[in-house]
Amino acid sequence: MSYRKWSPAQKMAIILEGLKSQTTVAEICRNHGISQTQYYKWRDQFLEGAKLGLSGKTDTNGSPDKSKIKALERIIGRQTITIEMLKKIQNLPDD
């Protein structure tokens, strides 16, 4: 059995249809060929994401914070300088 891949936009449309429709969840699931369990899983993820978005807090799973990015940029900068110095010491051509 092959599984269908749903885009985030498709999932959101199905969830919103269930939230604003007077149609039953069972009928919506039947129309889209998904199980009710799948629908409720998507709905719970959708609502949790909305709650995180409205709270103003960032999701620690997906997006690194700005201080981490700045620290990594500093490390990259230092490594670049070190590489350039080593090239000059060894008389290697620049790339």
PDB file of N, CA and C in Angstrom:
ATOM      1  N   MET A   1       0.840  -1.179   0.000  1.00  0.00           N
ATOM      2  CA  MET A   1       0.000   0.000   0.000  1.00  0.00           C
ATOM      3  C   MET A   1       0.885   1.241   0.000  1.00  0.00           C
ATOM      4  N   SER A   2       0.660   2.158  -0.929  1.00  0.00           N
ATOM      5  CA  SER A   2       1.451   3.374  -0.976  1.00  0.00           C
ATOM      6  C   SER A   2       0.751   4.471  -0.177  1.00  0.00           C
ATOM      7  N   TYR A   3       1.566   5.272   0.459  1.00  0.00           N
ATOM      8  CA  TYR A   3       1.034   6.348   1.272  1.00  0.00           C
ATOM      9  C   TYR A   3       1.055   7.642   0.485  1.00  0.00           C
ATOM     10  N   ARG A   4       0.039   8.456   0.687  1.00  0.00           N
ATOM     11  CA  ARG A   4      -0.036   9.737   0.010  1.00  0.00           C
ATOM     12  C   ARG A   4       0.692  10.778   0.838  1.00  0.00           C
ATOM     13  N   LYS A   5       1.447  11.623   0.183  1.00  0.00           N
ATOM     14  CA  LYS A   5       2.142  12.724   0.849  1.00  0.00           C
ATOM     15  C   LYS A   5       1.238  13.955   0.806  1.00  0.00           C
ATOM     16  N   TRP A   6       1.019  14.533   1.944  1.00  0.00           N
ATOM     17  CA  TRP A   6       0.195  15.730   2.041  1.00  0.00           C
ATOM     18  C   TRP A   6       1.103  16.919   2.319  1.00  0.00           C
ATOM     19  N   SER A   7       0.922  17.999   1.573  1.00  0.00           N
ATOM     20  CA  SER A   7       1.693  19.213   1.831  1.00  0.00           C
ATOM     21  C   SER A   7       1.128  19.898   3.069  1.00  0.00           C
ATOM     22  N   PRO A   8       1.916  20.750   3.710  1.00  0.00           N
ATOM     23  CA  PRO A   8       1.390  21.483   4.866  1.00  0.00           C
ATOM     24  C   PRO A   8       0.138  22.298   4.512  1.00  0.00           C
ATOM     25  N   ALA A   9       0.100  22.864   3.313  1.00  0.00           N
ATOM     26  CA  ALA A   9      -1.064  23.653   2.903  1.00  0.00           C
ATOM     27  C   ALA A   9      -2.311  22.770   2.768  1.00  0.00           C
ATOM     28  N   GLN A  10      -2.134  21.558   2.242  1.00  0.00           N
ATOM     29  CA  GLN A  10      -3.264  20.637   2.118  1.00  0.00           C
ATOM     30  C   GLN A  10      -3.779  20.210   3.492  1.00  0.00           C
ATOM     31  N   LYS A  11      -2.834  19.911   4.390  1.00  0.00           N
ATOM     32  CA  LYS A  11      -3.230  19.521   5.748  1.00  0.00           C
ATOM     33  C   LYS A  11      -4.000  20.648   6.421  1.00  0.00           C
ATOM     34  N   MET A  12      -3.492  21.868   6.280  1.00  0.00           N
ATOM     35  CA  MET A  12      -4.151  23.005   6.903  1.00  0.00           C
ATOM     36  C   MET A  12      -5.548  23.217   6.342  1.00  0.00           C
ATOM     37  N   ALA A  13      -5.704  23.054   5.040  1.00  0.00           N
ATOM     38  CA  ALA A  13      -7.026  23.219   4.425  1.00  0.00           C
ATOM     39  C   ALA A  13      -8.013  22.186   4.973  1.00  0.00           C
ATOM     40  N   ILE A  14      -7.567  20.958   5.132  1.00  0.00           N
ATOM     41  CA  ILE A  14      -8.436  19.903   5.670  1.00  0.00           C
ATOM     42  C   ILE A  14      -8.802  20.205   7.118  1.00  0.00           C
ATOM     43  N   ILE A  15      -7.826  20.635   7.897  1.00  0.00           N
ATOM     44  CA  ILE A  15      -8.072  20.953   9.305  1.00  0.00           C
ATOM     45  C   ILE A  15      -9.051  22.109   9.418  1.00  0.00           C
ATOM     46  N   LEU A  16      -8.820  23.161   8.648  1.00  0.00           N
ATOM     47  CA  LEU A  16      -9.713  24.318   8.702  1.00  0.00           C
ATOM     48  C   LEU A  16     -11.115  23.962   8.243  1.00  0.00           C
ATOM     49  N   GLU A  17     -11.212  23.081   7.269  1.00  0.00           N
ATOM     50  CA  GLU A  17     -12.526  22.609   6.822  1.00  0.00           C
ATOM     51  C   GLU A  17     -13.249  21.940   7.982  1.00  0.00           C
ATOM     52  N   GLY A  18     -12.526  21.146   8.748  1.00  0.00           N
ATOM     53  CA  GLY A  18     -13.131  20.469   9.889  1.00  0.00           C
ATOM     54  C   GLY A  18     -13.496  21.414  11.013  1.00  0.00           C
ATOM     55  N   LEU A  19     -12.693  22.467  11.196  1.00  0.00           N
ATOM     56  CA  LEU A  19     -12.957  23.406  12.281  1.00  0.00           C
ATOM     57  C   LEU A  19     -14.115  24.344  11.981  1.00  0.00           C
ATOM     58  N   LYS A  20     -14.265  24.746  10.715  1.00  0.00           N
ATOM     59  CA  LYS A  20     -15.299  25.728  10.404  1.00  0.00           C
ATOM     60  C   LYS A  20     -16.536  25.139   9.735  1.00  0.00           C
ATOM     61  N   SER A  21     -16.494  23.889   9.405  1.00  0.00           N
ATOM     62  CA  SER A  21     -17.584  23.260   8.668  1.00  0.00           C
ATOM     63  C   SER A  21     -18.623  22.666   9.600  1.00  0.00           C
ATOM     64  N   GLN A  22     -19.822  22.573   9.099  1.00  0.00           N
ATOM     65  CA  GLN A  22     -20.863  21.883   9.848  1.00  0.00           C
ATOM     66  C   GLN A  22     -20.921  20.413   9.444  1.00  0.00           C
ATOM     67  N   THR A  23     -20.023  20.038   8.548  1.00  0.00           N
ATOM     68  CA  THR A  23     -19.892  18.649   8.135  1.00  0.00           C
ATOM     69  C   THR A  23     -19.165  17.887   9.239  1.00  0.00           C
ATOM     70  N   THR A  24     -19.479  16.634   9.403  1.00  0.00           N
ATOM     71  CA  THR A  24     -18.823  15.835  10.439  1.00  0.00           C
ATOM     72  C   THR A  24     -17.379  15.539  10.036  1.00  0.00           C
ATOM     73  N   VAL A  25     -16.551  15.305  11.033  1.00  0.00           N
ATOM     74  CA  VAL A  25     -15.158  14.950  10.787  1.00  0.00           C
ATOM     75  C   VAL A  25     -15.084  13.651   9.991  1.00  0.00           C
ATOM     76  N   ALA A  26     -15.972  12.726  10.291  1.00  0.00           N
ATOM     77  CA  ALA A  26     -15.985  11.448   9.567  1.00  0.00           C
ATOM     78  C   ALA A  26     -16.201  11.673   8.071  1.00  0.00           C
ATOM     79  N   GLU A  27     -17.100  12.579   7.725  1.00  0.00           N
ATOM     80  CA  GLU A  27     -17.384  12.845   6.313  1.00  0.00           C
ATOM     81  C   GLU A  27     -16.204  13.556   5.640  1.00  0.00           C
ATOM     82  N   ILE A  28     -15.612  14.495   6.336  1.00  0.00           N
ATOM     83  CA  ILE A  28     -14.441  15.200   5.787  1.00  0.00           C
ATOM     84  C   ILE A  28     -13.307  14.207   5.531  1.00  0.00           C
ATOM     85  N   CYS A  29     -13.085  13.325   6.490  1.00  0.00           N
ATOM     86  CA  CYS A  29     -12.020  12.321   6.341  1.00  0.00           C
ATOM     87  C   CYS A  29     -12.315  11.385   5.176  1.00  0.00           C
ATOM     88  N   ARG A  30     -13.544  10.999   5.045  1.00  0.00           N
ATOM     89  CA  ARG A  30     -13.934  10.116   3.950  1.00  0.00           C
ATOM     90  C   ARG A  30     -13.724  10.813   2.605  1.00  0.00           C
ATOM     91  N   ASN A  31     -14.084  12.101   2.528  1.00  0.00           N
ATOM     92  CA  ASN A  31     -13.929  12.856   1.282  1.00  0.00           C
ATOM     93  C   ASN A  31     -12.458  12.998   0.873  1.00  0.00           C
ATOM     94  N   HIS A  32     -11.577  13.078   1.869  1.00  0.00           N
ATOM     95  CA  HIS A  32     -10.158  13.275   1.583  1.00  0.00           C
ATOM     96  C   HIS A  32      -9.345  11.992   1.653  1.00  0.00           C
ATOM     97  N   GLY A  33      -9.963  10.907   2.036  1.00  0.00           N
ATOM     98  CA  GLY A  33      -9.276   9.624   2.071  1.00  0.00           C
ATOM     99  C   GLY A  33      -8.268   9.496   3.196  1.00  0.00           C
ATOM    100  N   ILE A  34      -8.594  10.081   4.345  1.00  0.00           N
ATOM    101  CA  ILE A  34      -7.713   9.949   5.515  1.00  0.00           C
ATOM    102  C   ILE A  34      -8.522   9.372   6.672  1.00  0.00           C
ATOM    103  N   SER A  35      -7.811   8.854   7.661  1.00  0.00           N
ATOM    104  CA  SER A  35      -8.500   8.320   8.831  1.00  0.00           C
ATOM    105  C   SER A  35      -8.805   9.465   9.804  1.00  0.00           C
ATOM    106  N   GLN A  36      -9.767   9.232  10.656  1.00  0.00           N
ATOM    107  CA  GLN A  36     -10.088  10.233  11.668  1.00  0.00           C
ATOM    108  C   GLN A  36      -8.915  10.418  12.633  1.00  0.00           C
ATOM    109  N   THR A  37      -8.210   9.332  12.901  1.00  0.00           N
ATOM    110  CA  THR A  37      -7.039   9.413  13.767  1.00  0.00           C
ATOM    111  C   THR A  37      -6.011  10.362  13.166  1.00  0.00           C
ATOM    112  N   GLN A  38      -5.781  10.264  11.852  1.00  0.00           N
ATOM    113  CA  GLN A  38      -4.838  11.152  11.174  1.00  0.00           C
ATOM    114  C   GLN A  38      -5.312  12.595  11.256  1.00  0.00           C
ATOM    115  N   TYR A  39      -6.602  12.807  11.024  1.00  0.00           N
ATOM    116  CA  TYR A  39      -7.158  14.160  11.098  1.00  0.00           C
ATOM    117  C   TYR A  39      -6.910  14.774  12.472  1.00  0.00           C
ATOM    118  N   TYR A  40      -7.222  14.032  13.519  1.00  0.00           N
ATOM    119  CA  TYR A  40      -7.072  14.575  14.873  1.00  0.00           C
ATOM    120  C   TYR A  40      -5.604  14.800  15.232  1.00  0.00           C
ATOM    121  N   LYS A  41      -4.721  13.975  14.699  1.00  0.00           N
ATOM    122  CA  LYS A  41      -3.287  14.179  14.923  1.00  0.00           C
ATOM    123  C   LYS A  41      -2.843  15.495  14.281  1.00  0.00           C
ATOM    124  N   TRP A  42      -3.248  15.708  13.023  1.00  0.00           N
ATOM    125  CA  TRP A  42      -2.916  16.949  12.334  1.00  0.00           C
ATOM    126  C   TRP A  42      -3.527  18.150  13.054  1.00  0.00           C
ATOM    127  N   ARG A  43      -4.780  18.000  13.484  1.00  0.00           N
ATOM    128  CA  ARG A  43      -5.460  19.104  14.165  1.00  0.00           C
ATOM    129  C   ARG A  43      -4.729  19.480  15.451  1.00  0.00           C
ATOM    130  N   ASP A  44      -4.332  18.489  16.234  1.00  0.00           N
ATOM    131  CA  ASP A  44      -3.623  18.757  17.485  1.00  0.00           C
ATOM    132  C   ASP A  44      -2.285  19.444  17.224  1.00  0.00           C
ATOM    133  N   GLN A  45      -1.561  19.006  16.180  1.00  0.00           N
ATOM    134  CA  GLN A  45      -0.295  19.652  15.822  1.00  0.00           C
ATOM    135  C   GLN A  45      -0.533  21.098  15.382  1.00  0.00           C
ATOM    136  N   PHE A  46      -1.576  21.302  14.614  1.00  0.00           N
ATOM    137  CA  PHE A  46      -1.939  22.635  14.134  1.00  0.00           C
ATOM    138  C   PHE A  46      -2.246  23.567  15.299  1.00  0.00           C
ATOM    139  N   LEU A  47      -3.062  23.106  16.226  1.00  0.00           N
ATOM    140  CA  LEU A  47      -3.445  23.930  17.366  1.00  0.00           C
ATOM    141  C   LEU A  47      -2.260  24.197  18.294  1.00  0.00           C
ATOM    142  N   GLU A  48      -1.378  23.218  18.464  1.00  0.00           N
ATOM    143  CA  GLU A  48      -0.188  23.412  19.290  1.00  0.00           C
ATOM    144  C   GLU A  48       0.728  24.455  18.660  1.00  0.00           C
ATOM    145  N   GLY A  49       0.884  24.388  17.345  1.00  0.00           N
ATOM    146  CA  GLY A  49       1.687  25.385  16.644  1.00  0.00           C
ATOM    147  C   GLY A  49       1.088  26.779  16.758  1.00  0.00           C
ATOM    148  N   ALA A  50      -0.219  26.860  16.688  1.00  0.00           N
ATOM    149  CA  ALA A  50      -0.891  28.154  16.838  1.00  0.00           C
ATOM    150  C   ALA A  50      -0.679  28.702  18.240  1.00  0.00           C
ATOM    151  N   LYS A  51      -0.758  27.830  19.229  1.00  0.00           N
ATOM    152  CA  LYS A  51      -0.560  28.260  20.608  1.00  0.00           C
ATOM    153  C   LYS A  51       0.860  28.789  20.805  1.00  0.00           C
ATOM    154  N   LEU A  52       1.858  28.077  20.251  1.00  0.00           N
ATOM    155  CA  LEU A  52       3.249  28.543  20.339  1.00  0.00           C
ATOM    156  C   LEU A  52       3.429  29.883  19.634  1.00  0.00           C
ATOM    157  N   GLY A  53       2.810  30.009  18.473  1.00  0.00           N
ATOM    158  CA  GLY A  53       2.931  31.248  17.714  1.00  0.00           C
ATOM    159  C   GLY A  53       2.317  32.433  18.438  1.00  0.00           C
ATOM    160  N   LEU A  54       1.202  32.220  19.076  1.00  0.00           N
ATOM    161  CA  LEU A  54       0.533  33.303  19.786  1.00  0.00           C
ATOM    162  C   LEU A  54       1.190  33.626  21.122  1.00  0.00           C
ATOM    163  N   SER A  55       1.935  32.698  21.671  1.00  0.00           N
ATOM    164  CA  SER A  55       2.578  32.946  22.957  1.00  0.00           C
ATOM    165  C   SER A  55       3.818  33.812  22.814  1.00  0.00           C
ATOM    166  N   GLY A  56       4.332  33.931  21.597  1.00  0.00           N
ATOM    167  CA  GLY A  56       5.528  34.725  21.364  1.00  0.00           C
ATOM    168  C   GLY A  56       6.806  33.967  21.644  1.00  0.00           C
ATOM    169  N   LYS A  57       6.696  32.732  22.059  1.00  0.00           N
ATOM    170  CA  LYS A  57       7.875  31.916  22.327  1.00  0.00           C
ATOM    171  C   LYS A  57       8.288  31.224  21.038  1.00  0.00           C
ATOM    172  N   THR A  58       9.592  30.967  20.895  1.00  0.00           N
ATOM    173  CA  THR A  58      10.059  30.278  19.703  1.00  0.00           C
ATOM    174  C   THR A  58      10.065  28.781  19.947  1.00  0.00           C
ATOM    175  N   ASP A  59       9.909  28.037  18.886  1.00  0.00           N
ATOM    176  CA  ASP A  59       9.947  26.581  18.946  1.00  0.00           C
ATOM    177  C   ASP A  59      11.394  26.135  19.059  1.00  0.00           C
ATOM    178  N   THR A  60      11.743  25.439  20.137  1.00  0.00           N
ATOM    179  CA  THR A  60      13.127  25.033  20.343  1.00  0.00           C
ATOM    180  C   THR A  60      13.531  23.870  19.448  1.00  0.00           C
ATOM    181  N   ASN A  61      12.581  23.183  18.856  1.00  0.00           N
ATOM    182  CA  ASN A  61      12.905  22.032  18.006  1.00  0.00           C
ATOM    183  C   ASN A  61      13.403  22.448  16.635  1.00  0.00           C
ATOM    184  N   GLY A  62      12.819  23.505  16.064  1.00  0.00           N
ATOM    185  CA  GLY A  62      13.111  23.798  14.685  1.00  0.00           C
ATOM    186  C   GLY A  62      14.009  24.977  14.416  1.00  0.00           C
ATOM    187  N   SER A  63      13.931  26.035  15.206  1.00  0.00           N
ATOM    188  CA  SER A  63      14.668  27.236  14.867  1.00  0.00           C
ATOM    189  C   SER A  63      15.677  27.591  15.957  1.00  0.00           C
ATOM    190  N   PRO A  64      16.947  27.696  15.571  1.00  0.00           N
ATOM    191  CA  PRO A  64      17.952  28.080  16.564  1.00  0.00           C
ATOM    192  C   PRO A  64      17.780  29.543  16.950  1.00  0.00           C
ATOM    193  N   ASP A  65      18.164  29.884  18.151  1.00  0.00           N
ATOM    194  CA  ASP A  65      18.019  31.271  18.579  1.00  0.00           C
ATOM    195  C   ASP A  65      19.138  32.135  18.008  1.00  0.00           C
ATOM    196  N   LYS A  66      18.944  33.448  18.084  1.00  0.00           N
ATOM    197  CA  LYS A  66      19.872  34.389  17.455  1.00  0.00           C
ATOM    198  C   LYS A  66      21.251  34.350  18.084  1.00  0.00           C
ATOM    199  N   SER A  67      21.336  34.119  19.380  1.00  0.00           N
ATOM    200  CA  SER A  67      22.645  34.090  20.028  1.00  0.00           C
ATOM    201  C   SER A  67      23.474  32.905  19.535  1.00  0.00           C
ATOM    202  N   LYS A  68      22.824  31.781  19.280  1.00  0.00           N
ATOM    203  CA  LYS A  68      23.520  30.609  18.757  1.00  0.00           C
ATOM    204  C   LYS A  68      24.052  30.890  17.342  1.00  0.00           C
ATOM    205  N   ILE A  69      23.244  31.558  16.540  1.00  0.00           N
ATOM    206  CA  ILE A  69      23.660  31.912  15.181  1.00  0.00           C
ATOM    207  C   ILE A  69      24.871  32.847  15.225  1.00  0.00           C
ATOM    208  N   LYS A  70      24.815  33.854  16.091  1.00  0.00           N
ATOM    209  CA  LYS A  70      25.938  34.791  16.205  1.00  0.00           C
ATOM    210  C   LYS A  70      27.207  34.084  16.656  1.00  0.00           C
ATOM    211  N   ALA A  71      27.088  33.165  17.607  1.00  0.00           N
ATOM    212  CA  ALA A  71      28.259  32.424  18.088  1.00  0.00           C
ATOM    213  C   ALA A  71      28.866  31.598  16.960  1.00  0.00           C
ATOM    214  N   LEU A  72      28.028  30.940  16.170  1.00  0.00           N
ATOM    215  CA  LEU A  72      28.523  30.143  15.048  1.00  0.00           C
ATOM    216  C   LEU A  72      29.163  31.021  13.978  1.00  0.00           C
ATOM    217  N   GLU A  73      28.597  32.206  13.737  1.00  0.00           N
ATOM    218  CA  GLU A  73      29.188  33.122  12.765  1.00  0.00           C
ATOM    219  C   GLU A  73      30.577  33.579  13.229  1.00  0.00           C
ATOM    220  N   ARG A  74      30.734  33.822  14.528  1.00  0.00           N
ATOM    221  CA  ARG A  74      32.056  34.207  15.056  1.00  0.00           C
ATOM    222  C   ARG A  74      33.067  33.080  14.858  1.00  0.00           C
ATOM    223  N   ILE A  75      32.643  31.853  15.105  1.00  0.00           N
ATOM    224  CA  ILE A  75      33.543  30.705  14.917  1.00  0.00           C
ATOM    225  C   ILE A  75      33.963  30.600  13.452  1.00  0.00           C
ATOM    226  N   ILE A  76      33.012  30.751  12.554  1.00  0.00           N
ATOM    227  CA  ILE A  76      33.321  30.690  11.117  1.00  0.00           C
ATOM    228  C   ILE A  76      34.297  31.799  10.743  1.00  0.00           C
ATOM    229  N   GLY A  77      34.082  32.986  11.273  1.00  0.00           N
ATOM    230  CA  GLY A  77      34.981  34.103  10.990  1.00  0.00           C
ATOM    231  C   GLY A  77      36.402  33.829  11.450  1.00  0.00           C
ATOM    232  N   ARG A  78      36.533  33.299  12.668  1.00  0.00           N
ATOM    233  CA  ARG A  78      37.866  32.977  13.184  1.00  0.00           C
ATOM    234  C   ARG A  78      38.542  31.900  12.343  1.00  0.00           C
ATOM    235  N   GLN A  79      37.776  30.901  11.949  1.00  0.00           N
ATOM    236  CA  GLN A  79      38.356  29.827  11.133  1.00  0.00           C
ATOM    237  C   GLN A  79      38.790  30.341   9.768  1.00  0.00           C
ATOM    238  N   THR A  80      38.029  31.256   9.207  1.00  0.00           N
ATOM    239  CA  THR A  80      38.389  31.839   7.917  1.00  0.00           C
ATOM    240  C   THR A  80      39.703  32.598   8.024  1.00  0.00           C
ATOM    241  N   ILE A  81      39.852  33.370   9.087  1.00  0.00           N
ATOM    242  CA  ILE A  81      41.096  34.114   9.291  1.00  0.00           C
ATOM    243  C   ILE A  81      42.271  33.153   9.460  1.00  0.00           C
ATOM    244  N   THR A  82      42.077  32.099  10.233  1.00  0.00           N
ATOM    245  CA  THR A  82      43.133  31.101  10.444  1.00  0.00           C
ATOM    246  C   THR A  82      43.541  30.461   9.126  1.00  0.00           C
ATOM    247  N   ILE A  83      42.582  30.107   8.313  1.00  0.00           N
ATOM    248  CA  ILE A  83      42.872  29.484   7.019  1.00  0.00           C
ATOM    249  C   ILE A  83      43.670  30.443   6.137  1.00  0.00           C
ATOM    250  N   GLU A  84      43.262  31.712   6.105  1.00  0.00           N
ATOM    251  CA  GLU A  84      43.973  32.696   5.282  1.00  0.00           C
ATOM    252  C   GLU A  84      45.408  32.885   5.771  1.00  0.00           C
ATOM    253  N   MET A  85      45.598  32.908   7.089  1.00  0.00           N
ATOM    254  CA  MET A  85      46.957  33.053   7.634  1.00  0.00           C
ATOM    255  C   MET A  85      47.809  31.840   7.279  1.00  0.00           C
ATOM    256  N   LEU A  86      47.261  30.647   7.389  1.00  0.00           N
ATOM    257  CA  LEU A  86      48.019  29.437   7.046  1.00  0.00           C
ATOM    258  C   LEU A  86      48.384  29.404   5.571  1.00  0.00           C
ATOM    259  N   LYS A  87      47.492  29.873   4.714  1.00  0.00           N
ATOM    260  CA  LYS A  87      47.795  29.935   3.281  1.00  0.00           C
ATOM    261  C   LYS A  87      48.974  30.866   3.020  1.00  0.00           C
ATOM    262  N   LYS A  88      48.989  32.021   3.706  1.00  0.00           N
ATOM    263  CA  LYS A  88      50.079  32.978   3.508  1.00  0.00           C
ATOM    264  C   LYS A  88      51.391  32.421   4.028  1.00  0.00           C
ATOM    265  N   ILE A  89      51.339  31.725   5.145  1.00  0.00           N
ATOM    266  CA  ILE A  89      52.550  31.134   5.712  1.00  0.00           C
ATOM    267  C   ILE A  89      53.122  30.086   4.761  1.00  0.00           C
ATOM    268  N   GLN A  90      52.247  29.294   4.142  1.00  0.00           N
ATOM    269  CA  GLN A  90      52.704  28.209   3.264  1.00  0.00           C
ATOM    270  C   GLN A  90      52.793  28.657   1.810  1.00  0.00           C
ATOM    271  N   ASN A  91      52.553  29.935   1.533  1.00  0.00           N
ATOM    272  CA  ASN A  91      52.605  30.490   0.176  1.00  0.00           C
ATOM    273  C   ASN A  91      51.669  29.757  -0.778  1.00  0.00           C
ATOM    274  N   LEU A  92      50.462  29.452  -0.323  1.00  0.00           N
ATOM    275  CA  LEU A  92      49.469  28.820  -1.174  1.00  0.00           C
ATOM    276  C   LEU A  92      48.654  29.889  -1.877  1.00  0.00           C
ATOM    277  N   PRO A  93      48.215  29.620  -3.119  1.00  0.00           N
ATOM    278  CA  PRO A  93      47.393  30.616  -3.832  1.00  0.00           C
ATOM    279  C   PRO A  93      46.002  30.728  -3.192  1.00  0.00           C
ATOM    280  N   ASP A  94      45.430  31.921  -3.287  1.00  0.00           N
ATOM    281  CA  ASP A  94      44.055  32.120  -2.800  1.00  0.00           C
ATOM    282  C   ASP A  94      43.092  31.451  -3.759  1.00  0.00           C
ATOM    283  N   ASP A  95      41.945  31.036  -3.233  1.00  0.00           N
ATOM    284  CA  ASP A  95      40.931  30.383  -4.082  1.00  0.00           C
ATOM    285  C   ASP A  95      40.172  31.374  -4.897  1.00  0.00           C
TER     286      ASP A  95
END
